Amino acid sequence: MSEKIYEIKPITGNDRENCLSNVFIKKDVFDKAVGWNNFLKLTHANTKLFNNEYFTKAQSIKSFIGRTIPFKLLDINSEVQFTFKTYMNYVRFLGQQIIHECTNELHIPDNTELTRWTQGTDMTVHSDNSWPDGDKTDHPTSFRTWSAIYYLNDDYEGGEIYFPRIDWAYKPEANSLLVFPSNDTFLHGVTEVTKGERFTVAIWYTQDYAHIEV
């Protein structure tokens, strides 16, 4: 697969169709000397939170139990958890801003998770709002419109995200945000992490207010 990078730029008029067929990358999300470094240190110092019983009971996907910290369940009365929520919230709204620039529409987060990818973990090819053939019938998250992934680190091997239908793959760069439509054109998977640990914040967006994340 060839590596193509689509940098974020304002979308107007006839560019909208092109926007909806692209993957976007925003680099240097946080200031590396302060924000990114502190977010990374916070994550490494609190990996026990991934096994928090309150969080694991809320995870419906078996392979992700013990690997995610959900934004909506973070306790704002805990200094550590509130700090996690602050960082994740910034990424959520940056993704929302990028989507708005592309569509001139409001898309709201429906779910946000900080995920730990240990050695040996991967993800099979899937669509975020349909079955692989594009059918949305009985799909549990058919209401999703856009997806975003923030890459907290890149000091690991493997763990590339790949999009077979657009013939594109991305070796994640630390402190970058990837944004793309949730439909089956953007079927994607993650190659196995073969060394080290990979940390990501995944955000999914919707226009269905019944699923808004608070």
Protein backbone atom coordinates (compact mmCIF):
# COMPACT_ATOMS: atom_id res chain seq x y z
CA MET A 1 0.00 0.00 0.00
CA SER A 2 1.25 3.47 -0.80
CA GLU A 3 1.34 6.01 2.01
CA LYS A 4 -0.71 9.09 1.21
CA ILE A 5 -1.25 11.84 3.75
CA TYR A 6 -4.10 14.30 3.48
CA GLU A 7 -3.39 17.33 5.64
CA ILE A 8 -6.29 19.27 7.09
CA LYS A 9 -7.35 22.27 5.02
CA PRO A 10 -10.54 24.37 4.78
CA ILE A 11 -13.20 22.77 2.58
CA THR A 12 -15.50 24.90 0.43
CA GLY A 13 -18.03 24.41 -2.36
CA ASN A 14 -17.17 21.57 -4.72
CA ASP A 15 -14.33 20.41 -2.47
CA ARG A 16 -16.87 18.82 -0.14
CA GLU A 17 -17.19 15.65 -2.25
CA ASN A 18 -13.41 15.29 -2.23
CA CYS A 19 -13.41 15.84 1.53
CA LEU A 20 -15.86 13.00 2.10
CA SER A 21 -13.61 10.57 0.20
CA ASN A 22 -10.43 11.33 2.13
CA VAL A 23 -8.63 10.45 5.33
CA PHE A 24 -7.29 13.46 7.24
CA ILE A 25 -4.31 13.74 9.53
CA LYS A 26 -3.74 16.51 12.07
CA LYS A 27 -0.20 16.45 13.45
CA ASP A 28 1.11 18.00 16.68
CA VAL A 29 -2.23 17.93 18.45
CA PHE A 30 -0.73 18.89 21.81
CA ASP A 31 2.39 20.92 22.50
CA LYS A 32 5.03 18.19 22.71
CA ALA A 33 7.06 19.84 25.46
CA VAL A 34 4.11 20.05 27.85
CA GLY A 35 0.69 18.69 26.87
CA TRP A 36 1.67 15.57 24.94
CA ASN A 37 4.47 14.68 27.34
CA ASN A 38 2.18 15.04 30.36
CA PHE A 39 -0.62 13.01 28.73
CA LEU A 40 1.84 10.22 27.94
CA LYS A 41 3.31 10.25 31.47
CA LEU A 42 -0.19 10.20 32.97
CA THR A 43 -1.10 7.15 30.89
CA HIS A 44 2.06 5.20 31.73
CA ALA A 45 1.63 5.97 35.44
CA ASN A 46 -1.99 4.82 35.56
CA THR A 47 -2.22 1.67 33.44
CA LYS A 48 -4.05 0.02 36.36
CA LEU A 49 -7.10 2.04 35.34
CA PHE A 50 -7.52 -0.15 32.27
CA ASN A 51 -8.47 -2.97 34.65
CA ASN A 52 -10.82 -0.84 36.76
CA GLU A 53 -13.84 -3.07 37.43
CA TYR A 54 -16.24 -0.16 36.81
CA PHE A 55 -14.77 0.27 33.33
CA THR A 56 -14.44 -3.39 32.40
CA LYS A 57 -18.10 -4.11 33.18
CA ALA A 58 -19.09 -1.46 30.63
CA GLN A 59 -17.01 -2.97 27.80
CA SER A 60 -19.24 -5.08 25.54
CA ILE A 61 -16.47 -6.29 23.20
CA LYS A 62 -14.75 -9.22 24.85
CA SER A 63 -11.31 -8.66 23.31
CA PHE A 64 -11.23 -5.09 24.68
CA ILE A 65 -12.09 -5.91 28.29
CA GLY A 66 -9.25 -4.62 30.46
CA ARG A 67 -7.90 -2.47 27.63
CA THR A 68 -10.08 0.66 27.56
CA ILE A 69 -10.74 3.73 29.69
CA PRO A 70 -14.15 5.16 28.69
CA PHE A 71 -14.52 8.94 28.67
CA LYS A 72 -18.13 8.84 29.85
CA LEU A 73 -17.29 6.85 33.00
CA LEU A 74 -14.34 8.91 34.22
CA ASP A 75 -14.91 10.38 37.68
CA ILE A 76 -14.51 14.17 37.68
CA ASN A 77 -14.01 14.05 41.47
CA SER A 78 -10.79 12.10 40.99
CA GLU A 79 -7.86 14.35 40.06
CA VAL A 80 -6.25 11.66 37.90
CA GLN A 81 -9.46 10.70 36.11
CA PHE A 82 -10.48 14.33 35.62
CA THR A 83 -7.08 14.99 34.00
CA PHE A 84 -7.62 12.07 31.62
CA LYS A 85 -11.06 13.47 30.82
CA THR A 86 -9.58 16.91 30.09
CA TYR A 87 -7.04 15.55 27.58
CA MET A 88 -9.57 13.27 25.90
CA ASN A 89 -12.11 16.08 25.72
CA TYR A 90 -9.66 18.28 23.84
CA VAL A 91 -9.14 15.54 21.25
CA ARG A 92 -12.91 14.96 20.95
CA PHE A 93 -13.59 18.57 20.08
CA LEU A 94 -10.60 18.87 17.75
CA GLY A 95 -12.05 15.98 15.76
CA GLN A 96 -15.44 17.68 15.78
CA GLN A 97 -13.87 20.88 14.44
CA ILE A 98 -12.14 19.03 11.60
CA ILE A 99 -15.38 17.27 10.63
CA HIS A 100 -17.23 20.59 10.68
CA GLU A 101 -14.62 22.12 8.37
CA CYS A 102 -15.21 19.23 5.99
CA THR A 103 -19.01 19.01 6.08
CA ASN A 104 -20.21 22.35 7.45
CA GLU A 105 -22.37 20.18 9.72
CA LEU A 106 -22.38 19.43 13.43
CA HIS A 107 -21.35 15.87 14.31
CA ILE A 108 -21.23 15.05 18.01
CA PRO A 109 -19.19 12.41 19.88
CA ASP A 110 -21.13 9.30 20.84
CA ASN A 111 -18.25 7.35 22.38
CA THR A 112 -14.63 7.99 23.31
CA GLU A 113 -12.14 5.46 24.66
CA LEU A 114 -8.47 5.47 25.59
CA THR A 115 -7.21 2.07 24.47
CA ARG A 116 -4.15 0.05 25.43
CA TRP A 117 -2.76 -2.22 22.73
CA THR A 118 -0.34 -4.70 24.30
CA GLN A 119 2.05 -6.91 22.35
CA GLY A 120 0.10 -9.46 20.29
CA THR A 121 -3.08 -7.39 19.92
CA ASP A 122 -4.56 -6.38 16.57
CA MET A 123 -7.94 -5.64 14.98
CA THR A 124 -9.63 -7.30 12.02
CA VAL A 125 -10.96 -5.29 9.10
CA HIS A 126 -14.32 -3.68 9.85
CA SER A 127 -16.56 -0.68 9.19
CA ASP A 128 -17.61 1.57 12.08
CA ASN A 129 -21.25 1.95 11.00
CA SER A 130 -22.09 -1.07 8.85
CA TRP A 131 -21.29 -4.67 8.10
CA PRO A 132 -18.35 -5.12 5.69
CA ASP A 133 -20.71 -5.25 2.67
CA GLY A 134 -22.16 -1.84 3.58
CA ASP A 135 -25.46 -3.20 4.93
CA LYS A 136 -26.54 -1.36 8.10
CA THR A 137 -29.38 -3.74 8.99
CA ASP A 138 -29.18 -4.61 12.70
CA HIS A 139 -25.70 -3.11 12.96
CA PRO A 140 -25.20 -1.92 16.59
CA THR A 141 -23.55 1.40 15.65
CA SER A 142 -25.20 2.25 12.33
CA PHE A 143 -25.82 5.77 13.67
CA ARG A 144 -22.12 6.68 13.48
CA THR A 145 -20.98 9.16 10.83
CA TRP A 146 -17.28 9.88 11.40
CA SER A 147 -14.39 8.26 13.25
CA ALA A 148 -11.19 9.68 14.72
CA ILE A 149 -8.12 8.12 16.29
CA TYR A 150 -5.51 10.00 18.31
CA TYR A 151 -2.13 8.30 18.55
CA LEU A 152 -0.51 8.99 21.89
CA ASN A 153 2.79 7.22 21.16
CA ASP A 154 4.74 5.57 18.36
CA ASP A 155 7.54 3.78 20.25
CA TYR A 156 6.34 0.29 19.34
CA GLU A 157 6.53 -2.05 16.35
CA GLY A 158 3.59 -3.09 14.20
CA GLY A 159 0.21 -1.52 14.95
CA GLU A 160 -0.32 0.12 11.56
CA ILE A 161 -3.86 1.07 10.58
CA TYR A 162 -4.77 0.03 7.03
CA PHE A 163 -7.69 0.76 4.70
CA PRO A 164 -7.94 -1.96 2.03
CA ARG A 165 -10.63 -0.28 -0.09
CA ILE A 166 -8.66 2.94 -0.55
CA ASP A 167 -5.32 1.09 -0.68
CA TRP A 168 -3.76 3.12 2.12
CA ALA A 169 -1.96 2.43 5.38
CA TYR A 170 -0.58 4.68 8.10
CA LYS A 171 2.28 4.03 10.47
CA PRO A 172 1.00 6.10 13.40
CA GLU A 173 2.99 9.13 14.43
CA ALA A 174 2.84 10.14 18.09
CA ASN A 175 0.58 13.11 18.86
CA SER A 176 -1.34 12.86 15.56
CA LEU A 177 -5.09 12.62 14.95
CA LEU A 178 -6.57 10.59 12.09
CA VAL A 179 -10.12 11.46 10.96
CA PHE A 180 -12.24 9.60 8.39
CA PRO A 181 -15.88 8.80 7.51
CA SER A 182 -17.30 5.77 9.36
CA ASN A 183 -18.79 4.08 6.28
CA ASP A 184 -17.70 0.86 4.55
CA THR A 185 -15.53 2.72 2.01
CA PHE A 186 -13.22 3.17 4.98
CA LEU A 187 -13.09 -0.43 6.14
CA HIS A 188 -10.00 -0.58 8.32
CA GLY A 189 -7.96 -2.87 10.50
CA VAL A 190 -4.87 -2.73 12.72
CA THR A 191 -1.84 -4.95 12.24
CA GLU A 192 -0.48 -6.87 15.22
CA VAL A 193 1.60 -4.96 17.74
CA THR A 194 4.80 -7.02 17.72
CA LYS A 195 6.83 -5.06 20.28
CA GLY A 196 5.98 -2.55 22.98
CA GLU A 197 2.61 -0.99 23.77
CA ARG A 198 0.40 1.26 21.65
CA PHE A 199 -1.97 3.83 23.18
CA THR A 200 -4.80 5.45 21.24
CA VAL A 201 -7.88 7.57 21.86
CA ALA A 202 -10.73 6.49 19.58
CA ILE A 203 -13.70 8.80 19.06
CA TRP A 204 -16.85 8.10 17.07
CA TYR A 205 -19.30 10.79 15.97
CA THR A 206 -22.99 10.89 15.11
CA GLN A 207 -25.81 13.27 14.21
CA ASP A 208 -28.29 11.26 16.24
CA TYR A 209 -28.71 13.13 19.53
CA ALA A 210 -30.11 10.01 21.18
CA HIS A 211 -26.52 8.75 21.28
CA ILE A 212 -24.71 11.88 22.45
CA GLU A 213 -21.83 11.28 24.84
CA VAL A 214 -21.73 13.40 27.99
